[in-house]
Amino acid sequence: MKMQRYIDLLPHGSGVNYDYKIKEGKNKITVYNKYDYMDENGYYDDIFPFSVTFTAENVTLHFHNLTRWQYKKIEHNGLRDYLEEIFYDVREKVLKVGA
């Protein structure tokens, strides 16, 4: 039941289109998902696996198994900033569920 409460709070859509995997640790919650990247023509072009770790002090975004080209695409198109922002916006609510 608690996991469903997390899932209900976390962003869905706008590229975050997969099911979440959630791990609770001591003083932290880590969620795993993937981002569907669209090219300038509106076609899905790539999938970027990522995790977000919530702690009382911070939200940390980490991309997994990227090539150098994929990393450059993320940075060039502002994807890191976008994801950090949407997950930071739900940080306090997520941490309250874990308390």
N, C-alpha and C. Protein backbone atom coordinates (compact mmCIF):
# COMPACT_ATOMS: atom_id res chain seq x y z
N MET A 1 0.82 -1.20 0.00
CA MET A 1 0.00 0.00 0.00
C MET A 1 0.86 1.26 0.00
N LYS A 2 1.95 1.24 0.79
CA LYS A 2 2.83 2.39 0.85
C LYS A 2 3.45 2.68 -0.52
N MET A 3 3.84 1.62 -1.24
CA MET A 3 4.44 1.81 -2.57
C MET A 3 3.47 2.51 -3.50
N GLN A 4 2.20 2.18 -3.42
CA GLN A 4 1.20 2.83 -4.26
C GLN A 4 1.12 4.32 -3.94
N ARG A 5 1.27 4.68 -2.68
CA ARG A 5 1.25 6.09 -2.30
C ARG A 5 2.43 6.83 -2.95
N TYR A 6 3.60 6.20 -2.98
CA TYR A 6 4.75 6.80 -3.67
C TYR A 6 4.42 7.00 -5.15
N ILE A 7 3.94 5.95 -5.77
CA ILE A 7 3.67 5.98 -7.21
C ILE A 7 2.66 7.07 -7.55
N ASP A 8 1.66 7.25 -6.71
CA ASP A 8 0.66 8.28 -6.95
C ASP A 8 1.25 9.69 -6.91
N LEU A 9 2.31 9.89 -6.15
CA LEU A 9 2.94 11.21 -6.03
C LEU A 9 3.94 11.51 -7.14
N LEU A 10 4.54 10.47 -7.70
CA LEU A 10 5.64 10.67 -8.66
C LEU A 10 5.12 11.07 -10.04
N PRO A 11 5.92 11.84 -10.77
CA PRO A 11 5.51 12.30 -12.11
C PRO A 11 5.30 11.14 -13.09
N HIS A 12 4.27 11.26 -13.91
CA HIS A 12 3.98 10.31 -14.98
C HIS A 12 3.68 11.11 -16.24
N GLY A 13 4.07 10.56 -17.39
CA GLY A 13 3.82 11.24 -18.65
C GLY A 13 4.92 12.23 -18.97
N SER A 14 4.78 12.94 -20.05
CA SER A 14 5.78 13.90 -20.52
C SER A 14 7.17 13.28 -20.59
N GLY A 15 7.21 12.04 -21.06
CA GLY A 15 8.49 11.34 -21.23
C GLY A 15 8.74 10.29 -20.17
N VAL A 16 8.21 10.48 -18.98
CA VAL A 16 8.36 9.48 -17.91
C VAL A 16 7.16 8.54 -18.04
N ASN A 17 7.31 7.53 -18.90
CA ASN A 17 6.17 6.74 -19.33
C ASN A 17 6.19 5.29 -18.87
N TYR A 18 7.09 4.93 -17.99
CA TYR A 18 7.23 3.54 -17.56
C TYR A 18 6.81 3.38 -16.10
N ASP A 19 6.71 2.15 -15.66
CA ASP A 19 6.38 1.87 -14.27
C ASP A 19 7.59 2.12 -13.38
N TYR A 20 7.33 2.62 -12.20
CA TYR A 20 8.40 2.88 -11.24
C TYR A 20 8.79 1.62 -10.49
N LYS A 21 10.07 1.54 -10.17
CA LYS A 21 10.59 0.59 -9.19
C LYS A 21 11.08 1.44 -8.03
N ILE A 22 10.78 1.02 -6.82
CA ILE A 22 11.08 1.85 -5.65
C ILE A 22 11.84 1.02 -4.63
N LYS A 23 12.91 1.63 -4.08
CA LYS A 23 13.68 1.02 -3.00
C LYS A 23 13.72 1.99 -1.83
N GLU A 24 13.37 1.48 -0.67
CA GLU A 24 13.50 2.29 0.54
C GLU A 24 14.78 1.87 1.24
N GLY A 25 15.56 2.86 1.64
CA GLY A 25 16.77 2.61 2.40
C GLY A 25 16.75 3.41 3.67
N LYS A 26 17.82 3.31 4.42
CA LYS A 26 17.91 4.07 5.65
C LYS A 26 18.03 5.55 5.30
N ASN A 27 17.03 6.33 5.66
CA ASN A 27 17.00 7.78 5.42
C ASN A 27 16.99 8.18 3.95
N LYS A 28 16.57 7.27 3.06
CA LYS A 28 16.49 7.64 1.64
C LYS A 28 15.48 6.75 0.93
N ILE A 29 14.99 7.27 -0.19
CA ILE A 29 14.08 6.55 -1.06
C ILE A 29 14.63 6.73 -2.47
N THR A 30 14.81 5.63 -3.19
CA THR A 30 15.31 5.69 -4.56
C THR A 30 14.25 5.12 -5.49
N VAL A 31 13.96 5.88 -6.54
CA VAL A 31 13.00 5.43 -7.55
C VAL A 31 13.72 5.27 -8.88
N TYR A 32 13.30 4.28 -9.64
CA TYR A 32 13.90 3.97 -10.93
C TYR A 32 12.83 4.05 -12.00
N ASN A 33 13.20 4.61 -13.14
CA ASN A 33 12.28 4.70 -14.27
C ASN A 33 13.10 4.93 -15.53
N LYS A 34 12.40 5.21 -16.62
CA LYS A 34 13.05 5.51 -17.91
C LYS A 34 12.36 6.72 -18.52
N TYR A 35 13.13 7.45 -19.32
CA TYR A 35 12.60 8.62 -20.00
C TYR A 35 12.59 8.34 -21.50
N ASP A 36 11.43 8.53 -22.15
CA ASP A 36 11.30 8.43 -23.60
C ASP A 36 11.67 9.77 -24.22
N TYR A 37 12.73 9.80 -24.97
CA TYR A 37 13.18 11.03 -25.61
C TYR A 37 12.57 11.14 -27.01
N MET A 38 12.04 12.32 -27.32
CA MET A 38 11.51 12.59 -28.66
C MET A 38 12.46 13.50 -29.42
N ASP A 39 12.62 13.24 -30.70
CA ASP A 39 13.45 14.11 -31.52
C ASP A 39 12.64 15.34 -31.95
N GLU A 40 13.26 16.19 -32.74
CA GLU A 40 12.61 17.44 -33.14
C GLU A 40 11.40 17.23 -34.04
N ASN A 41 11.24 16.02 -34.59
CA ASN A 41 10.08 15.71 -35.44
C ASN A 41 8.95 15.04 -34.66
N GLY A 42 9.13 14.84 -33.35
CA GLY A 42 8.09 14.24 -32.54
C GLY A 42 8.09 12.72 -32.51
N TYR A 43 9.19 12.10 -32.98
CA TYR A 43 9.31 10.65 -32.95
C TYR A 43 10.15 10.23 -31.74
N TYR A 44 9.75 9.12 -31.12
CA TYR A 44 10.57 8.60 -30.03
C TYR A 44 11.91 8.18 -30.59
N ASP A 45 12.96 8.69 -29.99
CA ASP A 45 14.30 8.53 -30.54
C ASP A 45 15.21 7.71 -29.64
N ASP A 46 14.97 7.71 -28.34
CA ASP A 46 15.87 7.04 -27.41
C ASP A 46 15.17 6.83 -26.08
N ILE A 47 15.70 5.94 -25.28
CA ILE A 47 15.19 5.69 -23.93
C ILE A 47 16.36 5.83 -22.97
N PHE A 48 16.17 6.64 -21.93
CA PHE A 48 17.22 6.89 -20.95
C PHE A 48 16.79 6.37 -19.58
N PRO A 49 17.40 5.27 -19.11
CA PRO A 49 17.10 4.80 -17.75
C PRO A 49 17.71 5.76 -16.72
N PHE A 50 16.97 6.00 -15.64
CA PHE A 50 17.48 6.90 -14.61
C PHE A 50 16.98 6.48 -13.24
N SER A 51 17.63 7.01 -12.21
CA SER A 51 17.14 6.85 -10.85
C SER A 51 17.17 8.21 -10.18
N VAL A 52 16.31 8.36 -9.18
CA VAL A 52 16.26 9.57 -8.38
C VAL A 52 16.27 9.13 -6.92
N THR A 53 17.21 9.69 -6.15
CA THR A 53 17.28 9.39 -4.73
C THR A 53 16.84 10.61 -3.94
N PHE A 54 15.87 10.40 -3.07
CA PHE A 54 15.34 11.45 -2.20
C PHE A 54 15.92 11.28 -0.81
N THR A 55 16.51 12.33 -0.27
CA THR A 55 16.93 12.37 1.13
C THR A 55 16.37 13.66 1.72
N ALA A 56 16.53 13.82 3.00
CA ALA A 56 16.03 15.04 3.65
C ALA A 56 16.73 16.27 3.12
N GLU A 57 17.97 16.11 2.68
CA GLU A 57 18.76 17.26 2.22
C GLU A 57 18.75 17.48 0.71
N ASN A 58 18.42 16.44 -0.07
CA ASN A 58 18.74 16.53 -1.48
C ASN A 58 17.85 15.63 -2.34
N VAL A 59 17.86 15.93 -3.63
CA VAL A 59 17.32 15.06 -4.67
C VAL A 59 18.45 14.83 -5.65
N THR A 60 18.82 13.57 -5.87
CA THR A 60 19.94 13.25 -6.75
C THR A 60 19.45 12.44 -7.93
N LEU A 61 19.71 12.94 -9.13
CA LEU A 61 19.34 12.27 -10.38
C LEU A 61 20.57 11.59 -10.95
N HIS A 62 20.39 10.35 -11.39
CA HIS A 62 21.50 9.61 -12.00
C HIS A 62 20.99 8.86 -13.22
N PHE A 63 21.67 9.02 -14.36
CA PHE A 63 21.34 8.26 -15.56
C PHE A 63 22.21 7.01 -15.59
N HIS A 64 21.67 5.92 -16.15
CA HIS A 64 22.35 4.63 -16.14
C HIS A 64 22.72 4.17 -17.54
N ASN A 65 23.94 3.65 -17.66
CA ASN A 65 24.41 2.98 -18.89
C ASN A 65 24.26 3.83 -20.15
N LEU A 66 24.73 5.05 -20.09
CA LEU A 66 24.65 5.94 -21.26
C LEU A 66 25.94 5.92 -22.06
N THR A 67 25.79 6.09 -23.35
CA THR A 67 26.96 6.33 -24.18
C THR A 67 27.30 7.82 -24.08
N ARG A 68 28.45 8.20 -24.52
CA ARG A 68 28.84 9.61 -24.52
C ARG A 68 27.87 10.43 -25.36
N TRP A 69 27.45 9.88 -26.49
CA TRP A 69 26.51 10.59 -27.37
C TRP A 69 25.18 10.82 -26.66
N GLN A 70 24.68 9.81 -25.94
CA GLN A 70 23.42 9.96 -25.21
C GLN A 70 23.55 11.02 -24.11
N TYR A 71 24.66 11.00 -23.41
CA TYR A 71 24.87 11.98 -22.34
C TYR A 71 24.88 13.40 -22.92
N LYS A 72 25.53 13.58 -24.06
CA LYS A 72 25.56 14.90 -24.70
C LYS A 72 24.15 15.33 -25.11
N LYS A 73 23.34 14.39 -25.59
CA LYS A 73 21.97 14.70 -25.98
C LYS A 73 21.17 15.18 -24.76
N ILE A 74 21.34 14.52 -23.64
CA ILE A 74 20.65 14.89 -22.40
C ILE A 74 21.03 16.30 -21.98
N GLU A 75 22.31 16.57 -21.94
CA GLU A 75 22.78 17.88 -21.49
C GLU A 75 22.40 18.98 -22.47
N HIS A 76 22.53 18.72 -23.75
CA HIS A 76 22.24 19.73 -24.78
C HIS A 76 20.76 20.14 -24.77
N ASN A 77 19.88 19.18 -24.51
CA ASN A 77 18.45 19.45 -24.59
C ASN A 77 17.80 19.76 -23.25
N GLY A 78 18.59 19.89 -22.20
CA GLY A 78 18.06 20.29 -20.90
C GLY A 78 17.27 19.22 -20.16
N LEU A 79 17.44 17.96 -20.55
CA LEU A 79 16.69 16.89 -19.92
C LEU A 79 17.04 16.73 -18.44
N ARG A 80 18.31 16.84 -18.10
CA ARG A 80 18.71 16.71 -16.69
C ARG A 80 18.00 17.78 -15.85
N ASP A 81 18.03 19.02 -16.30
CA ASP A 81 17.39 20.10 -15.56
C ASP A 81 15.89 19.86 -15.42
N TYR A 82 15.26 19.42 -16.49
CA TYR A 82 13.81 19.15 -16.48
C TYR A 82 13.46 18.08 -15.44
N LEU A 83 14.17 16.96 -15.47
CA LEU A 83 13.87 15.88 -14.54
C LEU A 83 14.18 16.27 -13.10
N GLU A 84 15.29 16.96 -12.88
CA GLU A 84 15.61 17.40 -11.52
C GLU A 84 14.50 18.30 -10.97
N GLU A 85 13.99 19.16 -11.80
CA GLU A 85 12.94 20.08 -11.37
C GLU A 85 11.64 19.35 -11.02
N ILE A 86 11.20 18.44 -11.87
CA ILE A 86 9.92 17.79 -11.59
C ILE A 86 10.01 16.86 -10.38
N PHE A 87 11.18 16.27 -10.14
CA PHE A 87 11.31 15.41 -8.96
C PHE A 87 11.55 16.22 -7.70
N TYR A 88 12.22 17.34 -7.82
CA TYR A 88 12.41 18.19 -6.64
C TYR A 88 11.06 18.71 -6.14
N ASP A 89 10.16 18.98 -7.07
CA ASP A 89 8.84 19.49 -6.71
C ASP A 89 8.03 18.52 -5.84
N VAL A 90 8.30 17.22 -5.90
CA VAL A 90 7.55 16.24 -5.11
C VAL A 90 8.35 15.70 -3.92
N ARG A 91 9.56 16.20 -3.71
CA ARG A 91 10.46 15.67 -2.68
C ARG A 91 9.82 15.62 -1.30
N GLU A 92 9.27 16.73 -0.84
CA GLU A 92 8.72 16.77 0.51
C GLU A 92 7.56 15.78 0.69
N LYS A 93 6.71 15.66 -0.31
CA LYS A 93 5.58 14.74 -0.24
C LYS A 93 6.07 13.28 -0.19
N VAL A 94 7.08 12.97 -1.00
CA VAL A 94 7.63 11.61 -1.02
C VAL A 94 8.25 11.27 0.32
N LEU A 95 8.98 12.19 0.89
CA LEU A 95 9.63 11.94 2.18
C LEU A 95 8.60 11.78 3.31
N LYS A 96 7.47 12.47 3.22
CA LYS A 96 6.42 12.31 4.24
C LYS A 96 5.83 10.90 4.21
N VAL A 97 5.69 10.32 3.01
CA VAL A 97 5.18 8.96 2.90
C VAL A 97 6.16 8.00 3.58
N GLY A 98 7.45 8.23 3.38
CA GLY A 98 8.47 7.35 3.95
C GLY A 98 8.69 7.51 5.43
N ALA A 99 8.17 8.58 6.02
CA ALA A 99 8.40 8.83 7.45
C ALA A 99 7.59 7.92 8.34
